[in-house]
Structures are given as structure tokens and as C-alpha cells.
Amino acid sequence: MVKESHVSPVSLDPDVAPYRRELTFWDLVFVSITGVVGSGWLFGSYNAAKIAGPASLIAWVIGGIVVLLGALINGELVGMFPRAGGLCAILCILMDR
């Protein structure tokens, strides 16, 4: 049994925008930084392939399957509980808080 959350449901009306639709200077700075740092996994896979050889490919496939399962689970939960607040709101609902 799921208890109702204090978080308001998401509005599907395009005219109602409870959140700002703009990016500040600092938002753009952090998006740029994460774009640069986020591409580091490409070099990580290169170094892993040099050290471990073909075993690193198996590890990447296993890791990809685990990440895919996590994404599918999160997608299902968001579909079941459409609330503003993302994963935090869903965890509050699931943990009865």
C-alpha cells in the first residue's frame, strides 16, 4: 500500500510552468564542467583495455547491463509515481516518509 506524498503531482498543462525555464551563468558553467569531466570514462575504458585486455570488454558489458536495468527500474517508478522532485520524491514515497 502506497501512502500519498506531500509532493505535488506534475502538471501536464503547458501553460502552467511552476519552475523557471532559464539557465543562469553558473548553471552553464556546471553543465560545461560535467561535459568535460563526463567524457573521462572514454579514457578509462582505453586504459582498462590496455591493462586487462579482453576481460575489460566483458566487464563493460556487465556494467552496461546493470546500468540499463537501473534505468529501466527508474523509468518504471517514475511512470508509477509521476511527482515533481525526481528520485528523491519517489524514494520518500517508497520509504513511507
PDB file of N, CA and C in Angstrom:
ATOM      1  N   MET A   1       0.851  -1.166   0.000  1.00  0.00           N
ATOM      2  CA  MET A   1       0.000   0.000   0.000  1.00  0.00           C
ATOM      3  C   MET A   1       0.897   1.229   0.000  1.00  0.00           C
ATOM      4  N   VAL A   2       0.619   2.159  -0.870  1.00  0.00           N
ATOM      5  CA  VAL A   2       1.431   3.363  -1.011  1.00  0.00           C
ATOM      6  C   VAL A   2       0.717   4.529  -0.356  1.00  0.00           C
ATOM      7  N   LYS A   3       1.425   5.215   0.516  1.00  0.00           N
ATOM      8  CA  LYS A   3       0.875   6.395   1.179  1.00  0.00           C
ATOM      9  C   LYS A   3       1.027   7.603   0.265  1.00  0.00           C
ATOM     10  N   GLU A   4       0.033   8.493   0.273  1.00  0.00           N
ATOM     11  CA  GLU A   4       0.077   9.690  -0.571  1.00  0.00           C
ATOM     12  C   GLU A   4       1.181  10.620  -0.095  1.00  0.00           C
ATOM     13  N   SER A   5       1.913  11.182  -1.023  1.00  0.00           N
ATOM     14  CA  SER A   5       3.042  12.052  -0.701  1.00  0.00           C
ATOM     15  C   SER A   5       2.593  13.497  -0.594  1.00  0.00           C
ATOM     16  N   HIS A   6       3.393  14.297   0.112  1.00  0.00           N
ATOM     17  CA  HIS A   6       3.128  15.727   0.208  1.00  0.00           C
ATOM     18  C   HIS A   6       3.644  16.482  -1.008  1.00  0.00           C
ATOM     19  N   VAL A   7       4.335  15.793  -1.906  1.00  0.00           N
ATOM     20  CA  VAL A   7       4.881  16.417  -3.107  1.00  0.00           C
ATOM     21  C   VAL A   7       3.763  16.521  -4.140  1.00  0.00           C
ATOM     22  N   SER A   8       3.618  17.676  -4.760  1.00  0.00           N
ATOM     23  CA  SER A   8       2.530  17.886  -5.714  1.00  0.00           C
ATOM     24  C   SER A   8       2.780  17.108  -7.001  1.00  0.00           C
ATOM     25  N   PRO A   9       1.707  16.610  -7.627  1.00  0.00           N
ATOM     26  CA  PRO A   9       1.878  15.889  -8.889  1.00  0.00           C
ATOM     27  C   PRO A   9       2.283  16.832 -10.015  1.00  0.00           C
ATOM     28  N   VAL A  10       2.840  16.260 -11.050  1.00  0.00           N
ATOM     29  CA  VAL A  10       3.303  17.040 -12.194  1.00  0.00           C
ATOM     30  C   VAL A  10       2.098  17.494 -13.014  1.00  0.00           C
ATOM     31  N   SER A  11       2.092  18.750 -13.411  1.00  0.00           N
ATOM     32  CA  SER A  11       1.019  19.281 -14.241  1.00  0.00           C
ATOM     33  C   SER A  11       1.348  19.030 -15.705  1.00  0.00           C
ATOM     34  N   LEU A  12       0.360  18.571 -16.463  1.00  0.00           N
ATOM     35  CA  LEU A  12       0.558  18.325 -17.885  1.00  0.00           C
ATOM     36  C   LEU A  12       0.137  19.521 -18.732  1.00  0.00           C
ATOM     37  N   ASP A  13      -0.363  20.569 -18.114  1.00  0.00           N
ATOM     38  CA  ASP A  13      -0.787  21.768 -18.827  1.00  0.00           C
ATOM     39  C   ASP A  13       0.451  22.567 -19.236  1.00  0.00           C
ATOM     40  N   PRO A  14       0.670  22.811 -20.542  1.00  0.00           N
ATOM     41  CA  PRO A  14       1.890  23.522 -20.965  1.00  0.00           C
ATOM     42  C   PRO A  14       1.914  24.984 -20.539  1.00  0.00           C
ATOM     43  N   ASP A  15       0.741  25.573 -20.237  1.00  0.00           N
ATOM     44  CA  ASP A  15       0.707  26.973 -19.817  1.00  0.00           C
ATOM     45  C   ASP A  15       1.109  27.155 -18.360  1.00  0.00           C
ATOM     46  N   VAL A  16       1.033  26.088 -17.569  1.00  0.00           N
ATOM     47  CA  VAL A  16       1.394  26.161 -16.157  1.00  0.00           C
ATOM     48  C   VAL A  16       2.845  25.728 -16.020  1.00  0.00           C
ATOM     49  N   ALA A  17       3.714  26.649 -15.642  1.00  0.00           N
ATOM     50  CA  ALA A  17       5.143  26.349 -15.501  1.00  0.00           C
ATOM     51  C   ALA A  17       5.587  26.729 -14.098  1.00  0.00           C
ATOM     52  N   PRO A  18       5.544  25.781 -13.145  1.00  0.00           N
ATOM     53  CA  PRO A  18       5.936  26.120 -11.782  1.00  0.00           C
ATOM     54  C   PRO A  18       7.435  26.341 -11.628  1.00  0.00           C
ATOM     55  N   TYR A  19       8.228  25.883 -12.580  1.00  0.00           N
ATOM     56  CA  TYR A  19       9.674  26.023 -12.498  1.00  0.00           C
ATOM     57  C   TYR A  19      10.149  27.024 -13.549  1.00  0.00           C
ATOM     58  N   ARG A  20      11.263  27.664 -13.261  1.00  0.00           N
ATOM     59  CA  ARG A  20      11.835  28.613 -14.220  1.00  0.00           C
ATOM     60  C   ARG A  20      12.362  27.861 -15.434  1.00  0.00           C
ATOM     61  N   ARG A  21      12.204  28.434 -16.589  1.00  0.00           N
ATOM     62  CA  ARG A  21      12.719  27.832 -17.820  1.00  0.00           C
ATOM     63  C   ARG A  21      13.870  28.672 -18.335  1.00  0.00           C
ATOM     64  N   GLU A  22      14.909  28.799 -17.524  1.00  0.00           N
ATOM     65  CA  GLU A  22      16.078  29.580 -17.908  1.00  0.00           C
ATOM     66  C   GLU A  22      17.301  29.015 -17.205  1.00  0.00           C
ATOM     67  N   LEU A  23      18.453  29.262 -17.775  1.00  0.00           N
ATOM     68  CA  LEU A  23      19.709  28.836 -17.183  1.00  0.00           C
ATOM     69  C   LEU A  23      20.519  30.069 -16.811  1.00  0.00           C
ATOM     70  N   THR A  24      21.081  30.046 -15.609  1.00  0.00           N
ATOM     71  CA  THR A  24      21.922  31.152 -15.170  1.00  0.00           C
ATOM     72  C   THR A  24      23.352  30.910 -15.641  1.00  0.00           C
ATOM     73  N   PHE A  25      24.208  31.871 -15.377  1.00  0.00           N
ATOM     74  CA  PHE A  25      25.619  31.742 -15.726  1.00  0.00           C
ATOM     75  C   PHE A  25      26.220  30.504 -15.059  1.00  0.00           C
ATOM     76  N   TRP A  26      25.944  30.320 -13.760  1.00  0.00           N
ATOM     77  CA  TRP A  26      26.530  29.195 -13.033  1.00  0.00           C
ATOM     78  C   TRP A  26      25.967  27.861 -13.508  1.00  0.00           C
ATOM     79  N   ASP A  27      24.709  27.828 -13.915  1.00  0.00           N
ATOM     80  CA  ASP A  27      24.158  26.603 -14.491  1.00  0.00           C
ATOM     81  C   ASP A  27      24.960  26.189 -15.724  1.00  0.00           C
ATOM     82  N   LEU A  28      25.244  27.153 -16.584  1.00  0.00           N
ATOM     83  CA  LEU A  28      26.007  26.860 -17.800  1.00  0.00           C
ATOM     84  C   LEU A  28      27.447  26.464 -17.497  1.00  0.00           C
ATOM     85  N   VAL A  29      28.038  27.071 -16.467  1.00  0.00           N
ATOM     86  CA  VAL A  29      29.399  26.701 -16.068  1.00  0.00           C
ATOM     87  C   VAL A  29      29.434  25.242 -15.632  1.00  0.00           C
ATOM     88  N   PHE A  30      28.485  24.839 -14.778  1.00  0.00           N
ATOM     89  CA  PHE A  30      28.495  23.466 -14.282  1.00  0.00           C
ATOM     90  C   PHE A  30      28.118  22.457 -15.362  1.00  0.00           C
ATOM     91  N   VAL A  31      27.250  22.829 -16.288  1.00  0.00           N
ATOM     92  CA  VAL A  31      26.947  21.941 -17.411  1.00  0.00           C
ATOM     93  C   VAL A  31      28.200  21.731 -18.262  1.00  0.00           C
ATOM     94  N   SER A  32      28.967  22.775 -18.476  1.00  0.00           N
ATOM     95  CA  SER A  32      30.209  22.658 -19.249  1.00  0.00           C
ATOM     96  C   SER A  32      31.229  21.786 -18.533  1.00  0.00           C
ATOM     97  N   ILE A  33      31.362  21.968 -17.222  1.00  0.00           N
ATOM     98  CA  ILE A  33      32.321  21.167 -16.453  1.00  0.00           C
ATOM     99  C   ILE A  33      31.941  19.696 -16.490  1.00  0.00           C
ATOM    100  N   THR A  34      30.660  19.385 -16.300  1.00  0.00           N
ATOM    101  CA  THR A  34      30.258  17.979 -16.327  1.00  0.00           C
ATOM    102  C   THR A  34      30.418  17.380 -17.717  1.00  0.00           C
ATOM    103  N   GLY A  35      30.302  18.195 -18.762  1.00  0.00           N
ATOM    104  CA  GLY A  35      30.543  17.693 -20.112  1.00  0.00           C
ATOM    105  C   GLY A  35      31.987  17.295 -20.318  1.00  0.00           C
ATOM    106  N   VAL A  36      32.902  18.059 -19.735  1.00  0.00           N
ATOM    107  CA  VAL A  36      34.328  17.755 -19.864  1.00  0.00           C
ATOM    108  C   VAL A  36      34.703  16.573 -18.977  1.00  0.00           C
ATOM    109  N   VAL A  37      34.277  16.600 -17.727  1.00  0.00           N
ATOM    110  CA  VAL A  37      34.623  15.528 -16.792  1.00  0.00           C
ATOM    111  C   VAL A  37      33.910  14.234 -17.174  1.00  0.00           C
ATOM    112  N   GLY A  38      32.684  14.352 -17.655  1.00  0.00           N
ATOM    113  CA  GLY A  38      31.906  13.172 -18.014  1.00  0.00           C
ATOM    114  C   GLY A  38      32.500  12.369 -19.151  1.00  0.00           C
ATOM    115  N   SER A  39      33.310  12.984 -19.999  1.00  0.00           N
ATOM    116  CA  SER A  39      33.920  12.235 -21.095  1.00  0.00           C
ATOM    117  C   SER A  39      35.154  11.461 -20.642  1.00  0.00           C
ATOM    118  N   GLY A  40      35.521  11.569 -19.385  1.00  0.00           N
ATOM    119  CA  GLY A  40      36.676  10.843 -18.865  1.00  0.00           C
ATOM    120  C   GLY A  40      36.511   9.333 -18.894  1.00  0.00           C
ATOM    121  N   TRP A  41      35.271   8.846 -18.900  1.00  0.00           N
ATOM    122  CA  TRP A  41      35.068   7.398 -18.934  1.00  0.00           C
ATOM    123  C   TRP A  41      35.579   6.797 -20.246  1.00  0.00           C
ATOM    124  N   LEU A  42      35.655   7.594 -21.292  1.00  0.00           N
ATOM    125  CA  LEU A  42      36.193   7.084 -22.552  1.00  0.00           C
ATOM    126  C   LEU A  42      37.673   6.738 -22.412  1.00  0.00           C
ATOM    127  N   PHE A  43      38.411   7.589 -21.709  1.00  0.00           N
ATOM    128  CA  PHE A  43      39.824   7.304 -21.480  1.00  0.00           C
ATOM    129  C   PHE A  43      39.996   6.179 -20.466  1.00  0.00           C
ATOM    130  N   GLY A  44      39.063   6.060 -19.538  1.00  0.00           N
ATOM    131  CA  GLY A  44      39.113   4.959 -18.572  1.00  0.00           C
ATOM    132  C   GLY A  44      38.980   3.611 -19.253  1.00  0.00           C
ATOM    133  N   SER A  45      38.105   3.522 -20.232  1.00  0.00           N
ATOM    134  CA  SER A  45      37.941   2.250 -20.946  1.00  0.00           C
ATOM    135  C   SER A  45      39.175   1.925 -21.782  1.00  0.00           C
ATOM    136  N   TYR A  46      39.816   2.938 -22.322  1.00  0.00           N
ATOM    137  CA  TYR A  46      41.044   2.725 -23.095  1.00  0.00           C
ATOM    138  C   TYR A  46      42.144   2.170 -22.195  1.00  0.00           C
ATOM    139  N   ASN A  47      42.321   2.779 -21.023  1.00  0.00           N
ATOM    140  CA  ASN A  47      43.353   2.303 -20.094  1.00  0.00           C
ATOM    141  C   ASN A  47      43.029   0.916 -19.563  1.00  0.00           C
ATOM    142  N   ALA A  48      41.752   0.636 -19.307  1.00  0.00           N
ATOM    143  CA  ALA A  48      41.370  -0.695 -18.835  1.00  0.00           C
ATOM    144  C   ALA A  48      41.646  -1.744 -19.901  1.00  0.00           C
ATOM    145  N   ALA A  49      41.404  -1.422 -21.154  1.00  0.00           N
ATOM    146  CA  ALA A  49      41.665  -2.372 -22.234  1.00  0.00           C
ATOM    147  C   ALA A  49      43.157  -2.633 -22.381  1.00  0.00           C
ATOM    148  N   LYS A  50      43.990  -1.616 -22.144  1.00  0.00           N
ATOM    149  CA  LYS A  50      45.440  -1.825 -22.209  1.00  0.00           C
ATOM    150  C   LYS A  50      45.908  -2.743 -21.091  1.00  0.00           C
ATOM    151  N   ILE A  51      45.330  -2.590 -19.907  1.00  0.00           N
ATOM    152  CA  ILE A  51      45.795  -3.361 -18.751  1.00  0.00           C
ATOM    153  C   ILE A  51      45.185  -4.761 -18.728  1.00  0.00           C
ATOM    154  N   ALA A  52      43.863  -4.864 -18.849  1.00  0.00           N
ATOM    155  CA  ALA A  52      43.179  -6.142 -18.663  1.00  0.00           C
ATOM    156  C   ALA A  52      42.911  -6.884 -19.960  1.00  0.00           C
ATOM    157  N   GLY A  53      43.024  -6.221 -21.081  1.00  0.00           N
ATOM    158  CA  GLY A  53      42.776  -6.889 -22.356  1.00  0.00           C
ATOM    159  C   GLY A  53      41.300  -7.174 -22.573  1.00  0.00           C
ATOM    160  N   PRO A  54      40.997  -8.340 -23.146  1.00  0.00           N
ATOM    161  CA  PRO A  54      39.607  -8.667 -23.470  1.00  0.00           C
ATOM    162  C   PRO A  54      38.687  -8.767 -22.252  1.00  0.00           C
ATOM    163  N   ALA A  55      39.248  -9.026 -21.090  1.00  0.00           N
ATOM    164  CA  ALA A  55      38.412  -9.120 -19.888  1.00  0.00           C
ATOM    165  C   ALA A  55      37.729  -7.794 -19.583  1.00  0.00           C
ATOM    166  N   SER A  56      38.352  -6.697 -19.982  1.00  0.00           N
ATOM    167  CA  SER A  56      37.731  -5.394 -19.735  1.00  0.00           C
ATOM    168  C   SER A  56      36.459  -5.229 -20.563  1.00  0.00           C
ATOM    169  N   LEU A  57      36.411  -5.833 -21.744  1.00  0.00           N
ATOM    170  CA  LEU A  57      35.192  -5.766 -22.554  1.00  0.00           C
ATOM    171  C   LEU A  57      34.041  -6.482 -21.871  1.00  0.00           C
ATOM    172  N   ILE A  58      34.333  -7.619 -21.261  1.00  0.00           N
ATOM    173  CA  ILE A  58      33.302  -8.356 -20.528  1.00  0.00           C
ATOM    174  C   ILE A  58      32.810  -7.525 -19.347  1.00  0.00           C
ATOM    175  N   ALA A  59      33.727  -6.870 -18.662  1.00  0.00           N
ATOM    176  CA  ALA A  59      33.340  -6.020 -17.531  1.00  0.00           C
ATOM    177  C   ALA A  59      32.467  -4.859 -17.992  1.00  0.00           C
ATOM    178  N   TRP A  60      32.770  -4.257 -19.143  1.00  0.00           N
ATOM    179  CA  TRP A  60      31.955  -3.157 -19.663  1.00  0.00           C
ATOM    180  C   TRP A  60      30.566  -3.637 -20.058  1.00  0.00           C
ATOM    181  N   VAL A  61      30.462  -4.831 -20.614  1.00  0.00           N
ATOM    182  CA  VAL A  61      29.150  -5.377 -20.978  1.00  0.00           C
ATOM    183  C   VAL A  61      28.319  -5.628 -19.725  1.00  0.00           C
ATOM    184  N   ILE A  62      28.933  -6.223 -18.706  1.00  0.00           N
ATOM    185  CA  ILE A  62      28.218  -6.471 -17.448  1.00  0.00           C
ATOM    186  C   ILE A  62      27.791  -5.150 -16.812  1.00  0.00           C
ATOM    187  N   GLY A  63      28.688  -4.185 -16.783  1.00  0.00           N
ATOM    188  CA  GLY A  63      28.344  -2.872 -16.235  1.00  0.00           C
ATOM    189  C   GLY A  63      27.228  -2.200 -17.018  1.00  0.00           C
ATOM    190  N   GLY A  64      27.248  -2.331 -18.337  1.00  0.00           N
ATOM    191  CA  GLY A  64      26.189  -1.755 -19.166  1.00  0.00           C
ATOM    192  C   GLY A  64      24.838  -2.383 -18.892  1.00  0.00           C
ATOM    193  N   ILE A  65      24.824  -3.700 -18.674  1.00  0.00           N
ATOM    194  CA  ILE A  65      23.569  -4.386 -18.352  1.00  0.00           C
ATOM    195  C   ILE A  65      23.032  -3.911 -17.007  1.00  0.00           C
ATOM    196  N   VAL A  66      23.907  -3.757 -16.023  1.00  0.00           N
ATOM    197  CA  VAL A  66      23.484  -3.281 -14.700  1.00  0.00           C
ATOM    198  C   VAL A  66      22.921  -1.861 -14.791  1.00  0.00           C
ATOM    199  N   VAL A  67      23.591  -0.994 -15.531  1.00  0.00           N
ATOM    200  CA  VAL A  67      23.109   0.387 -15.686  1.00  0.00           C
ATOM    201  C   VAL A  67      21.781   0.409 -16.437  1.00  0.00           C
ATOM    202  N   LEU A  68      21.637  -0.430 -17.465  1.00  0.00           N
ATOM    203  CA  LEU A  68      20.380  -0.497 -18.206  1.00  0.00           C
ATOM    204  C   LEU A  68      19.235  -0.944 -17.305  1.00  0.00           C
ATOM    205  N   LEU A  69      19.472  -1.950 -16.467  1.00  0.00           N
ATOM    206  CA  LEU A  69      18.432  -2.398 -15.538  1.00  0.00           C
ATOM    207  C   LEU A  69      18.044  -1.287 -14.568  1.00  0.00           C
ATOM    208  N   GLY A  70      19.031  -0.553 -14.063  1.00  0.00           N
ATOM    209  CA  GLY A  70      18.731   0.568 -13.172  1.00  0.00           C
ATOM    210  C   GLY A  70      17.911   1.640 -13.859  1.00  0.00           C
ATOM    211  N   ALA A  71      18.232   1.933 -15.116  1.00  0.00           N
ATOM    212  CA  ALA A  71      17.473   2.939 -15.865  1.00  0.00           C
ATOM    213  C   ALA A  71      16.043   2.475 -16.116  1.00  0.00           C
ATOM    214  N   LEU A  72      15.864   1.194 -16.433  1.00  0.00           N
ATOM    215  CA  LEU A  72      14.515   0.674 -16.653  1.00  0.00           C
ATOM    216  C   LEU A  72      13.689   0.700 -15.370  1.00  0.00           C
ATOM    217  N   ILE A  73      14.321   0.372 -14.247  1.00  0.00           N
ATOM    218  CA  ILE A  73      13.617   0.415 -12.962  1.00  0.00           C
ATOM    219  C   ILE A  73      13.219   1.845 -12.624  1.00  0.00           C
ATOM    220  N   ASN A  74      14.138   2.792 -12.797  1.00  0.00           N
ATOM    221  CA  ASN A  74      13.804   4.195 -12.533  1.00  0.00           C
ATOM    222  C   ASN A  74      12.698   4.681 -13.460  1.00  0.00           C
ATOM    223  N   GLY A  75      12.732   4.296 -14.713  1.00  0.00           N
ATOM    224  CA  GLY A  75      11.676   4.684 -15.643  1.00  0.00           C
ATOM    225  C   GLY A  75      10.323   4.138 -15.234  1.00  0.00           C
ATOM    226  N   GLU A  76      10.297   2.905 -14.764  1.00  0.00           N
ATOM    227  CA  GLU A  76       9.043   2.307 -14.306  1.00  0.00           C
ATOM    228  C   GLU A  76       8.516   3.016 -13.061  1.00  0.00           C
ATOM    229  N   LEU A  77       9.402   3.339 -12.132  1.00  0.00           N
ATOM    230  CA  LEU A  77       8.977   4.034 -10.911  1.00  0.00           C
ATOM    231  C   LEU A  77       8.450   5.432 -11.215  1.00  0.00           C
ATOM    232  N   VAL A  78       9.096   6.137 -12.128  1.00  0.00           N
ATOM    233  CA  VAL A  78       8.629   7.477 -12.499  1.00  0.00           C
ATOM    234  C   VAL A  78       7.262   7.382 -13.172  1.00  0.00           C
ATOM    235  N   GLY A  79       7.040   6.345 -13.955  1.00  0.00           N
ATOM    236  CA  GLY A  79       5.731   6.155 -14.572  1.00  0.00           C
ATOM    237  C   GLY A  79       4.650   5.817 -13.560  1.00  0.00           C
ATOM    238  N   MET A  80       5.016   5.080 -12.509  1.00  0.00           N
ATOM    239  CA  MET A  80       4.044   4.713 -11.476  1.00  0.00           C
ATOM    240  C   MET A  80       3.716   5.877 -10.551  1.00  0.00           C
ATOM    241  N   PHE A  81       4.708   6.721 -10.259  1.00  0.00           N
ATOM    242  CA  PHE A  81       4.543   7.825  -9.313  1.00  0.00           C
ATOM    243  C   PHE A  81       4.966   9.136  -9.975  1.00  0.00           C
ATOM    244  N   PRO A  82       4.139   9.717 -10.837  1.00  0.00           N
ATOM    245  CA  PRO A  82       4.532  10.967 -11.509  1.00  0.00           C
ATOM    246  C   PRO A  82       4.452  12.157 -10.557  1.00  0.00           C
ATOM    247  N   ARG A  83       5.536  12.461  -9.906  1.00  0.00           N
ATOM    248  CA  ARG A  83       5.586  13.555  -8.942  1.00  0.00           C
ATOM    249  C   ARG A  83       6.760  14.463  -9.275  1.00  0.00           C
ATOM    250  N   ALA A  84       6.632  15.731  -8.905  1.00  0.00           N
ATOM    251  CA  ALA A  84       7.760  16.650  -9.006  1.00  0.00           C
ATOM    252  C   ALA A  84       8.763  16.285  -7.923  1.00  0.00           C
ATOM    253  N   GLY A  85      10.032  16.331  -8.229  1.00  0.00           N
ATOM    254  CA  GLY A  85      11.056  16.034  -7.241  1.00  0.00           C
ATOM    255  C   GLY A  85      11.971  14.901  -7.642  1.00  0.00           C
ATOM    256  N   GLY A  86      11.648  14.200  -8.709  1.00  0.00           N
ATOM    257  CA  GLY A  86      12.518  13.161  -9.221  1.00  0.00           C
ATOM    258  C   GLY A  86      12.686  11.980  -8.290  1.00  0.00           C
ATOM    259  N   LEU A  87      13.882  11.442  -8.264  1.00  0.00           N
ATOM    260  CA  LEU A  87      14.165  10.236  -7.497  1.00  0.00           C
ATOM    261  C   LEU A  87      13.970  10.449  -6.004  1.00  0.00           C
ATOM    262  N   CYS A  88      14.240  11.651  -5.513  1.00  0.00           N
ATOM    263  CA  CYS A  88      14.058  11.938  -4.090  1.00  0.00           C
ATOM    264  C   CYS A  88      12.596  11.769  -3.690  1.00  0.00           C
ATOM    265  N   ALA A  89      11.681  12.286  -4.497  1.00  0.00           N
ATOM    266  CA  ALA A  89      10.253  12.159  -4.195  1.00  0.00           C
ATOM    267  C   ALA A  89       9.816  10.702  -4.255  1.00  0.00           C
ATOM    268  N   ILE A  90      10.328   9.953  -5.214  1.00  0.00           N
ATOM    269  CA  ILE A  90       9.962   8.542  -5.338  1.00  0.00           C
ATOM    270  C   ILE A  90      10.469   7.750  -4.140  1.00  0.00           C
ATOM    271  N   LEU A  91      11.697   8.023  -3.701  1.00  0.00           N
ATOM    272  CA  LEU A  91      12.226   7.322  -2.534  1.00  0.00           C
ATOM    273  C   LEU A  91      11.431   7.656  -1.277  1.00  0.00           C
ATOM    274  N   CYS A  92      10.981   8.903  -1.144  1.00  0.00           N
ATOM    275  CA  CYS A  92      10.145   9.274   0.005  1.00  0.00           C
ATOM    276  C   CYS A  92       8.831   8.505  -0.013  1.00  0.00           C
ATOM    277  N   ILE A  93       8.247   8.322  -1.192  1.00  0.00           N
ATOM    278  CA  ILE A  93       7.003   7.559  -1.304  1.00  0.00           C
ATOM    279  C   ILE A  93       7.251   6.101  -0.947  1.00  0.00           C
ATOM    280  N   LEU A  94       8.305   5.518  -1.485  1.00  0.00           N
ATOM    281  CA  LEU A  94       8.580   4.099  -1.268  1.00  0.00           C
ATOM    282  C   LEU A  94       8.982   3.790   0.171  1.00  0.00           C
ATOM    283  N   MET A  95       9.571   4.774   0.860  1.00  0.00           N
ATOM    284  CA  MET A  95      10.006   4.554   2.241  1.00  0.00           C
ATOM    285  C   MET A  95       8.994   5.088   3.249  1.00  0.00           C
ATOM    286  N   ASP A  96       7.784   5.435   2.788  1.00  0.00           N
ATOM    287  CA  ASP A  96       6.709   5.934   3.657  1.00  0.00           C
ATOM    288  C   ASP A  96       7.131   7.130   4.476  1.00  0.00           C
ATOM    289  N   ARG A  97       7.760   8.097   3.863  1.00  0.00           N
ATOM    290  CA  ARG A  97       8.153   9.322   4.576  1.00  0.00           C
ATOM    291  C   ARG A  97       7.410  10.498   4.042  1.00  0.00           C
TER     292      ARG A  97
END
